[in-house]
Amino acid sequence: RKMVNRIDLPPSHFLDFPFLDQGMAEELAA
């Protein structure tokens, strides 16, 4: 929980990656 609270990257960070299948990025963000 402490580690998660220190993460300064948003879940949407994965949506900026060049996945051919955008569903993969969405799964990681979820």
PDB file of all heavy atoms in Angstrom:
ATOM      1  N   ARG A   1       0.837  -1.203   0.000  1.00  0.00           N
ATOM      2  CA  ARG A   1       0.000   0.000   0.000  1.00  0.00           C
ATOM      3  C   ARG A   1       0.870   1.250   0.000  1.00  0.00           C
ATOM      4  O   ARG A   1       0.588   2.210  -0.698  1.00  0.00           O
ATOM      5  CB  ARG A   1      -0.950   0.019   1.214  1.00  0.00           C
ATOM      6  CG  ARG A   1      -1.886  -1.133   1.319  1.00  0.00           C
ATOM      7  CD  ARG A   1      -3.026  -1.279   0.318  1.00  0.00           C
ATOM      8  NE  ARG A   1      -3.331  -0.202  -0.550  1.00  0.00           N
ATOM      9  CZ  ARG A   1      -3.524  -0.338  -1.876  1.00  0.00           C
ATOM     10  NH1 ARG A   1      -3.405  -1.500  -2.466  1.00  0.00           N
ATOM     11  NH2 ARG A   1      -3.846   0.682  -2.620  1.00  0.00           N
ATOM     12  N   LYS A   2       1.939   1.233   0.796  1.00  0.00           N
ATOM     13  CA  LYS A   2       2.858   2.378   0.825  1.00  0.00           C
ATOM     14  C   LYS A   2       3.521   2.573  -0.528  1.00  0.00           C
ATOM     15  O   LYS A   2       3.680   3.695  -0.998  1.00  0.00           O
ATOM     16  CB  LYS A   2       3.911   2.193   1.919  1.00  0.00           C
ATOM     17  CG  LYS A   2       3.371   2.368   3.310  1.00  0.00           C
ATOM     18  CD  LYS A   2       4.470   2.173   4.347  1.00  0.00           C
ATOM     19  CE  LYS A   2       3.934   2.330   5.751  1.00  0.00           C
ATOM     20  NZ  LYS A   2       4.991   2.100   6.761  1.00  0.00           N
ATOM     21  N   MET A   3       3.923   1.462  -1.142  1.00  0.00           N
ATOM     22  CA  MET A   3       4.553   1.543  -2.461  1.00  0.00           C
ATOM     23  C   MET A   3       3.587   2.159  -3.466  1.00  0.00           C
ATOM     24  O   MET A   3       3.946   3.055  -4.225  1.00  0.00           O
ATOM     25  CB  MET A   3       4.980   0.147  -2.929  1.00  0.00           C
ATOM     26  CG  MET A   3       5.592   0.118  -4.316  1.00  0.00           C
ATOM     27  SD  MET A   3       5.507  -1.514  -5.102  1.00  0.00           S
ATOM     28  CE  MET A   3       3.780  -1.594  -5.567  1.00  0.00           C
ATOM     29  N   VAL A   4       2.342   1.677  -3.473  1.00  0.00           N
ATOM     30  CA  VAL A   4       1.339   2.186  -4.413  1.00  0.00           C
ATOM     31  C   VAL A   4       1.117   3.680  -4.203  1.00  0.00           C
ATOM     32  O   VAL A   4       0.999   4.445  -5.170  1.00  0.00           O
ATOM     33  CB  VAL A   4       0.016   1.397  -4.290  1.00  0.00           C
ATOM     34  CG1 VAL A   4      -1.128   2.088  -5.004  1.00  0.00           C
ATOM     35  CG2 VAL A   4       0.209  -0.013  -4.839  1.00  0.00           C
ATOM     36  N   ASN A   5       1.098   4.104  -2.962  1.00  0.00           N
ATOM     37  CA  ASN A   5       0.873   5.524  -2.670  1.00  0.00           C
ATOM     38  C   ASN A   5       2.010   6.415  -3.147  1.00  0.00           C
ATOM     39  O   ASN A   5       1.805   7.609  -3.360  1.00  0.00           O
ATOM     40  CB  ASN A   5       0.641   5.729  -1.167  1.00  0.00           C
ATOM     41  CG  ASN A   5      -0.703   5.194  -0.735  1.00  0.00           C
ATOM     42  OD1 ASN A   5      -1.638   5.104  -1.515  1.00  0.00           O
ATOM     43  ND2 ASN A   5      -0.791   4.812   0.528  1.00  0.00           N
ATOM     44  N   ARG A   6       3.200   5.850  -3.337  1.00  0.00           N
ATOM     45  CA  ARG A   6       4.348   6.623  -3.816  1.00  0.00           C
ATOM     46  C   ARG A   6       4.429   6.699  -5.340  1.00  0.00           C
ATOM     47  O   ARG A   6       5.218   7.476  -5.877  1.00  0.00           O
ATOM     48  CB  ARG A   6       5.644   6.022  -3.289  1.00  0.00           C
ATOM     49  CG  ARG A   6       5.884   6.231  -1.812  1.00  0.00           C
ATOM     50  CD  ARG A   6       7.316   5.876  -1.417  1.00  0.00           C
ATOM     51  NE  ARG A   6       7.774   4.598  -1.946  1.00  0.00           N
ATOM     52  CZ  ARG A   6       7.732   3.447  -1.293  1.00  0.00           C
ATOM     53  NH1 ARG A   6       7.241   3.385  -0.080  1.00  0.00           N
ATOM     54  NH2 ARG A   6       8.193   2.335  -1.847  1.00  0.00           N
ATOM     55  N   ILE A   7       3.651   5.901  -6.046  1.00  0.00           N
ATOM     56  CA  ILE A   7       3.737   5.878  -7.516  1.00  0.00           C
ATOM     57  C   ILE A   7       3.196   7.195  -8.064  1.00  0.00           C
ATOM     58  O   ILE A   7       2.057   7.562  -7.810  1.00  0.00           O
ATOM     59  CB  ILE A   7       2.952   4.687  -8.098  1.00  0.00           C
ATOM     60  CG1 ILE A   7       3.576   3.373  -7.634  1.00  0.00           C
ATOM     61  CG2 ILE A   7       2.918   4.759  -9.626  1.00  0.00           C
ATOM     62  CD1 ILE A   7       2.766   2.137  -7.998  1.00  0.00           C
ATOM     63  N   ASP A   8       4.037   7.893  -8.814  1.00  0.00           N
ATOM     64  CA  ASP A   8       3.616   9.171  -9.377  1.00  0.00           C
ATOM     65  C   ASP A   8       3.271   9.089 -10.867  1.00  0.00           C
ATOM     66  O   ASP A   8       3.085  10.111 -11.518  1.00  0.00           O
ATOM     67  CB  ASP A   8       4.663  10.256  -9.127  1.00  0.00           C
ATOM     68  CG  ASP A   8       6.018   9.937  -9.746  1.00  0.00           C
ATOM     69  OD1 ASP A   8       6.168   8.859 -10.355  1.00  0.00           O
ATOM     70  OD2 ASP A   8       6.937  10.762  -9.607  1.00  0.00           O
ATOM     71  N   LEU A   9       3.173   7.889 -11.375  1.00  0.00           N
ATOM     72  CA  LEU A   9       2.735   7.683 -12.759  1.00  0.00           C
ATOM     73  C   LEU A   9       1.257   7.311 -12.733  1.00  0.00           C
ATOM     74  O   LEU A   9       0.842   6.484 -11.928  1.00  0.00           O
ATOM     75  CB  LEU A   9       3.535   6.553 -13.414  1.00  0.00           C
ATOM     76  CG  LEU A   9       5.028   6.791 -13.574  1.00  0.00           C
ATOM     77  CD1 LEU A   9       5.722   5.506 -14.019  1.00  0.00           C
ATOM     78  CD2 LEU A   9       5.279   7.905 -14.576  1.00  0.00           C
ATOM     79  N   PRO A  10       0.452   7.883 -13.605  1.00  0.00           N
ATOM     80  CA  PRO A  10      -0.976   7.552 -13.609  1.00  0.00           C
ATOM     81  C   PRO A  10      -1.231   6.217 -14.302  1.00  0.00           C
ATOM     82  O   PRO A  10      -0.425   5.765 -15.129  1.00  0.00           O
ATOM     83  CB  PRO A  10      -1.590   8.698 -14.418  1.00  0.00           C
ATOM     84  CG  PRO A  10      -0.505   9.073 -15.382  1.00  0.00           C
ATOM     85  CD  PRO A  10       0.783   8.908 -14.603  1.00  0.00           C
ATOM     86  N   PRO A  11      -2.357   5.579 -13.996  1.00  0.00           N
ATOM     87  CA  PRO A  11      -2.710   4.342 -14.707  1.00  0.00           C
ATOM     88  C   PRO A  11      -2.749   4.542 -16.221  1.00  0.00           C
ATOM     89  O   PRO A  11      -2.423   3.627 -16.977  1.00  0.00           O
ATOM     90  CB  PRO A  11      -4.095   3.996 -14.156  1.00  0.00           C
ATOM     91  CG  PRO A  11      -4.115   4.610 -12.803  1.00  0.00           C
ATOM     92  CD  PRO A  11      -3.327   5.885 -12.940  1.00  0.00           C
ATOM     93  N   SER A  12      -3.109   5.732 -16.644  1.00  0.00           N
ATOM     94  CA  SER A  12      -3.199   6.017 -18.086  1.00  0.00           C
ATOM     95  C   SER A  12      -1.830   6.033 -18.767  1.00  0.00           C
ATOM     96  O   SER A  12      -1.750   6.120 -19.995  1.00  0.00           O
ATOM     97  CB  SER A  12      -3.906   7.353 -18.319  1.00  0.00           C
ATOM     98  OG  SER A  12      -3.152   8.413 -17.733  1.00  0.00           O
ATOM     99  N   HIS A  13      -0.759   5.937 -17.999  1.00  0.00           N
ATOM    100  CA  HIS A  13       0.594   5.921 -18.574  1.00  0.00           C
ATOM    101  C   HIS A  13       0.720   4.829 -19.633  1.00  0.00           C
ATOM    102  O   HIS A  13       1.378   5.021 -20.659  1.00  0.00           O
ATOM    103  CB  HIS A  13       1.615   5.702 -17.459  1.00  0.00           C
ATOM    104  CG  HIS A  13       3.035   5.849 -17.870  1.00  0.00           C
ATOM    105  ND1 HIS A  13       3.575   7.050 -18.278  1.00  0.00           N
ATOM    106  CD2 HIS A  13       4.038   4.939 -17.954  1.00  0.00           C
ATOM    107  CE1 HIS A  13       4.850   6.876 -18.592  1.00  0.00           C
ATOM    108  NE2 HIS A  13       5.149   5.599 -18.400  1.00  0.00           N
ATOM    109  N   PHE A  14       0.059   3.708 -19.403  1.00  0.00           N
ATOM    110  CA  PHE A  14       0.132   2.595 -20.363  1.00  0.00           C
ATOM    111  C   PHE A  14      -0.534   2.934 -21.695  1.00  0.00           C
ATOM    112  O   PHE A  14      -0.195   2.354 -22.722  1.00  0.00           O
ATOM    113  CB  PHE A  14      -0.510   1.338 -19.773  1.00  0.00           C
ATOM    114  CG  PHE A  14       0.275   0.759 -18.643  1.00  0.00           C
ATOM    115  CD1 PHE A  14      -0.176   0.877 -17.339  1.00  0.00           C
ATOM    116  CD2 PHE A  14       1.471   0.103 -18.872  1.00  0.00           C
ATOM    117  CE1 PHE A  14       0.549   0.343 -16.282  1.00  0.00           C
ATOM    118  CE2 PHE A  14       2.212  -0.432 -17.825  1.00  0.00           C
ATOM    119  CZ  PHE A  14       1.750  -0.308 -16.526  1.00  0.00           C
ATOM    120  N   LEU A  15      -1.470   3.859 -21.690  1.00  0.00           N
ATOM    121  CA  LEU A  15      -2.184   4.218 -22.921  1.00  0.00           C
ATOM    122  C   LEU A  15      -1.295   4.967 -23.908  1.00  0.00           C
ATOM    123  O   LEU A  15      -1.638   5.091 -25.085  1.00  0.00           O
ATOM    124  CB  LEU A  15      -3.432   5.035 -22.590  1.00  0.00           C
ATOM    125  CG  LEU A  15      -4.437   4.351 -21.656  1.00  0.00           C
ATOM    126  CD1 LEU A  15      -5.596   5.290 -21.364  1.00  0.00           C
ATOM    127  CD2 LEU A  15      -4.923   3.038 -22.226  1.00  0.00           C
ATOM    128  N   ASP A  16      -0.155   5.464 -23.443  1.00  0.00           N
ATOM    129  CA  ASP A  16       0.789   6.173 -24.310  1.00  0.00           C
ATOM    130  C   ASP A  16       1.750   5.230 -25.025  1.00  0.00           C
ATOM    131  O   ASP A  16       2.520   5.662 -25.862  1.00  0.00           O
ATOM    132  CB  ASP A  16       1.599   7.185 -23.498  1.00  0.00           C
ATOM    133  CG  ASP A  16       0.741   8.296 -22.934  1.00  0.00           C
ATOM    134  OD1 ASP A  16      -0.291   8.621 -23.552  1.00  0.00           O
ATOM    135  OD2 ASP A  16       1.100   8.837 -21.871  1.00  0.00           O
ATOM    136  N   PHE A  17       1.699   3.950 -24.688  1.00  0.00           N
ATOM    137  CA  PHE A  17       2.613   2.986 -25.282  1.00  0.00           C
ATOM    138  C   PHE A  17       2.090   2.532 -26.650  1.00  0.00           C
ATOM    139  O   PHE A  17       0.882   2.469 -26.862  1.00  0.00           O
ATOM    140  CB  PHE A  17       2.783   1.776 -24.361  1.00  0.00           C
ATOM    141  CG  PHE A  17       3.672   2.063 -23.186  1.00  0.00           C
ATOM    142  CD1 PHE A  17       3.431   3.132 -22.351  1.00  0.00           C
ATOM    143  CD2 PHE A  17       4.742   1.251 -22.909  1.00  0.00           C
ATOM    144  CE1 PHE A  17       4.247   3.410 -21.271  1.00  0.00           C
ATOM    145  CE2 PHE A  17       5.568   1.502 -21.819  1.00  0.00           C
ATOM    146  CZ  PHE A  17       5.318   2.580 -21.009  1.00  0.00           C
ATOM    147  N   PRO A  18       2.991   2.197 -27.546  1.00  0.00           N
ATOM    148  CA  PRO A  18       2.578   1.833 -28.912  1.00  0.00           C
ATOM    149  C   PRO A  18       2.125   0.377 -29.055  1.00  0.00           C
ATOM    150  O   PRO A  18       2.685  -0.389 -29.841  1.00  0.00           O
ATOM    151  CB  PRO A  18       3.847   2.097 -29.724  1.00  0.00           C
ATOM    152  CG  PRO A  18       4.955   1.796 -28.761  1.00  0.00           C
ATOM    153  CD  PRO A  18       4.451   2.272 -27.412  1.00  0.00           C
ATOM    154  N   PHE A  19       1.099  -0.007 -28.307  1.00  0.00           N
ATOM    155  CA  PHE A  19       0.555  -1.352 -28.444  1.00  0.00           C
ATOM    156  C   PHE A  19      -0.208  -1.456 -29.762  1.00  0.00           C
ATOM    157  O   PHE A  19      -0.969  -0.551 -30.110  1.00  0.00           O
ATOM    158  CB  PHE A  19      -0.429  -1.656 -27.301  1.00  0.00           C
ATOM    159  CG  PHE A  19       0.227  -1.974 -25.996  1.00  0.00           C
ATOM    160  CD1 PHE A  19       0.362  -0.999 -25.017  1.00  0.00           C
ATOM    161  CD2 PHE A  19       0.705  -3.252 -25.729  1.00  0.00           C
ATOM    162  CE1 PHE A  19       0.958  -1.294 -23.808  1.00  0.00           C
ATOM    163  CE2 PHE A  19       1.296  -3.556 -24.526  1.00  0.00           C
ATOM    164  CZ  PHE A  19       1.427  -2.563 -23.554  1.00  0.00           C
ATOM    165  N   LEU A  20      -0.011  -2.538 -30.475  1.00  0.00           N
ATOM    166  CA  LEU A  20      -0.812  -2.778 -31.678  1.00  0.00           C
ATOM    167  C   LEU A  20      -2.254  -3.056 -31.282  1.00  0.00           C
ATOM    168  O   LEU A  20      -3.185  -2.685 -31.982  1.00  0.00           O
ATOM    169  CB  LEU A  20      -0.244  -3.949 -32.474  1.00  0.00           C
ATOM    170  CG  LEU A  20       1.109  -3.693 -33.131  1.00  0.00           C
ATOM    171  CD1 LEU A  20       1.611  -4.965 -33.817  1.00  0.00           C
ATOM    172  CD2 LEU A  20       1.026  -2.552 -34.123  1.00  0.00           C
ATOM    173  N   ASP A  21      -2.423  -3.722 -30.152  1.00  0.00           N
ATOM    174  CA  ASP A  21      -3.746  -4.015 -29.614  1.00  0.00           C
ATOM    175  C   ASP A  21      -3.981  -3.072 -28.438  1.00  0.00           C
ATOM    176  O   ASP A  21      -3.452  -3.287 -27.342  1.00  0.00           O
ATOM    177  CB  ASP A  21      -3.812  -5.477 -29.173  1.00  0.00           C
ATOM    178  CG  ASP A  21      -5.151  -5.865 -28.567  1.00  0.00           C
ATOM    179  OD1 ASP A  21      -6.004  -4.981 -28.345  1.00  0.00           O
ATOM    180  OD2 ASP A  21      -5.334  -7.067 -28.306  1.00  0.00           O
ATOM    181  N   GLN A  22      -4.738  -2.019 -28.651  1.00  0.00           N
ATOM    182  CA  GLN A  22      -4.975  -1.019 -27.616  1.00  0.00           C
ATOM    183  C   GLN A  22      -5.650  -1.629 -26.389  1.00  0.00           C
ATOM    184  O   GLN A  22      -5.524  -1.117 -25.283  1.00  0.00           O
ATOM    185  CB  GLN A  22      -5.816   0.134 -28.165  1.00  0.00           C
ATOM    186  CG  GLN A  22      -5.886   1.341 -27.258  1.00  0.00           C
ATOM    187  CD  GLN A  22      -4.538   2.001 -26.993  1.00  0.00           C
ATOM    188  OE1 GLN A  22      -3.582   1.835 -27.741  1.00  0.00           O
ATOM    189  NE2 GLN A  22      -4.436   2.724 -25.919  1.00  0.00           N
ATOM    190  N   GLY A  23      -6.329  -2.744 -26.583  1.00  0.00           N
ATOM    191  CA  GLY A  23      -6.959  -3.435 -25.466  1.00  0.00           C
ATOM    192  C   GLY A  23      -5.954  -3.874 -24.418  1.00  0.00           C
ATOM    193  O   GLY A  23      -6.280  -3.941 -23.227  1.00  0.00           O
ATOM    194  N   MET A  24      -4.732  -4.184 -24.842  1.00  0.00           N
ATOM    195  CA  MET A  24      -3.691  -4.570 -23.890  1.00  0.00           C
ATOM    196  C   MET A  24      -3.339  -3.398 -22.981  1.00  0.00           C
ATOM    197  O   MET A  24      -3.216  -3.554 -21.769  1.00  0.00           O
ATOM    198  CB  MET A  24      -2.447  -5.074 -24.622  1.00  0.00           C
ATOM    199  CG  MET A  24      -2.629  -6.389 -25.295  1.00  0.00           C
ATOM    200  SD  MET A  24      -1.082  -6.864 -26.112  1.00  0.00           S
ATOM    201  CE  MET A  24      -1.458  -8.550 -26.534  1.00  0.00           C
ATOM    202  N   ALA A  25      -3.185  -2.232 -23.575  1.00  0.00           N
ATOM    203  CA  ALA A  25      -2.875  -1.030 -22.785  1.00  0.00           C
ATOM    204  C   ALA A  25      -4.019  -0.720 -21.829  1.00  0.00           C
ATOM    205  O   ALA A  25      -3.792  -0.361 -20.667  1.00  0.00           O
ATOM    206  CB  ALA A  25      -2.607   0.147 -23.708  1.00  0.00           C
ATOM    207  N   GLU A  26      -5.240  -0.870 -22.310  1.00  0.00           N
ATOM    208  CA  GLU A  26      -6.397  -0.612 -21.464  1.00  0.00           C
ATOM    209  C   GLU A  26      -6.479  -1.602 -20.312  1.00  0.00           C
ATOM    210  O   GLU A  26      -6.846  -1.239 -19.191  1.00  0.00           O
ATOM    211  CB  GLU A  26      -7.670  -0.642 -22.309  1.00  0.00           C
ATOM    212  CG  GLU A  26      -7.749   0.512 -23.285  1.00  0.00           C
ATOM    213  CD  GLU A  26      -8.812   0.346 -24.354  1.00  0.00           C
ATOM    214  OE1 GLU A  26      -9.512  -0.689 -24.377  1.00  0.00           O
ATOM    215  OE2 GLU A  26      -8.932   1.269 -25.186  1.00  0.00           O
ATOM    216  N   GLU A  27      -6.109  -2.858 -20.572  1.00  0.00           N
ATOM    217  CA  GLU A  27      -6.100  -3.867 -19.505  1.00  0.00           C
ATOM    218  C   GLU A  27      -5.083  -3.505 -18.437  1.00  0.00           C
ATOM    219  O   GLU A  27      -5.362  -3.612 -17.234  1.00  0.00           O
ATOM    220  CB  GLU A  27      -5.779  -5.248 -20.079  1.00  0.00           C
ATOM    221  CG  GLU A  27      -5.675  -6.327 -19.024  1.00  0.00           C
ATOM    222  CD  GLU A  27      -5.256  -7.679 -19.575  1.00  0.00           C
ATOM    223  OE1 GLU A  27      -5.328  -7.894 -20.787  1.00  0.00           O
ATOM    224  OE2 GLU A  27      -4.850  -8.524 -18.756  1.00  0.00           O
ATOM    225  N   LEU A  28      -3.906  -3.076 -18.850  1.00  0.00           N
ATOM    226  CA  LEU A  28      -2.877  -2.700 -17.877  1.00  0.00           C
ATOM    227  C   LEU A  28      -3.321  -1.487 -17.055  1.00  0.00           C
ATOM    228  O   LEU A  28      -3.132  -1.452 -15.841  1.00  0.00           O
ATOM    229  CB  LEU A  28      -1.554  -2.413 -18.598  1.00  0.00           C
ATOM    230  CG  LEU A  28      -0.909  -3.616 -19.293  1.00  0.00           C
ATOM    231  CD1 LEU A  28       0.292  -3.171 -20.108  1.00  0.00           C
ATOM    232  CD2 LEU A  28      -0.544  -4.702 -18.303  1.00  0.00           C
ATOM    233  N   ALA A  29      -3.925  -0.506 -17.710  1.00  0.00           N
ATOM    234  CA  ALA A  29      -4.414   0.681 -16.994  1.00  0.00           C
ATOM    235  C   ALA A  29      -5.500   0.296 -15.996  1.00  0.00           C
ATOM    236  O   ALA A  29      -5.525   0.797 -14.861  1.00  0.00           O
ATOM    237  CB  ALA A  29      -4.928   1.715 -17.994  1.00  0.00           C
ATOM    238  N   ALA A  30      -6.382  -0.606 -16.391  1.00  0.00           N
ATOM    239  CA  ALA A  30      -7.454  -1.050 -15.493  1.00  0.00           C
ATOM    240  C   ALA A  30      -6.879  -1.788 -14.290  1.00  0.00           C
ATOM    241  O   ALA A  30      -7.333  -1.590 -13.151  1.00  0.00           O
ATOM    242  CB  ALA A  30      -8.442  -1.944 -16.251  1.00  0.00           C
TER     243      ALA A  30
END
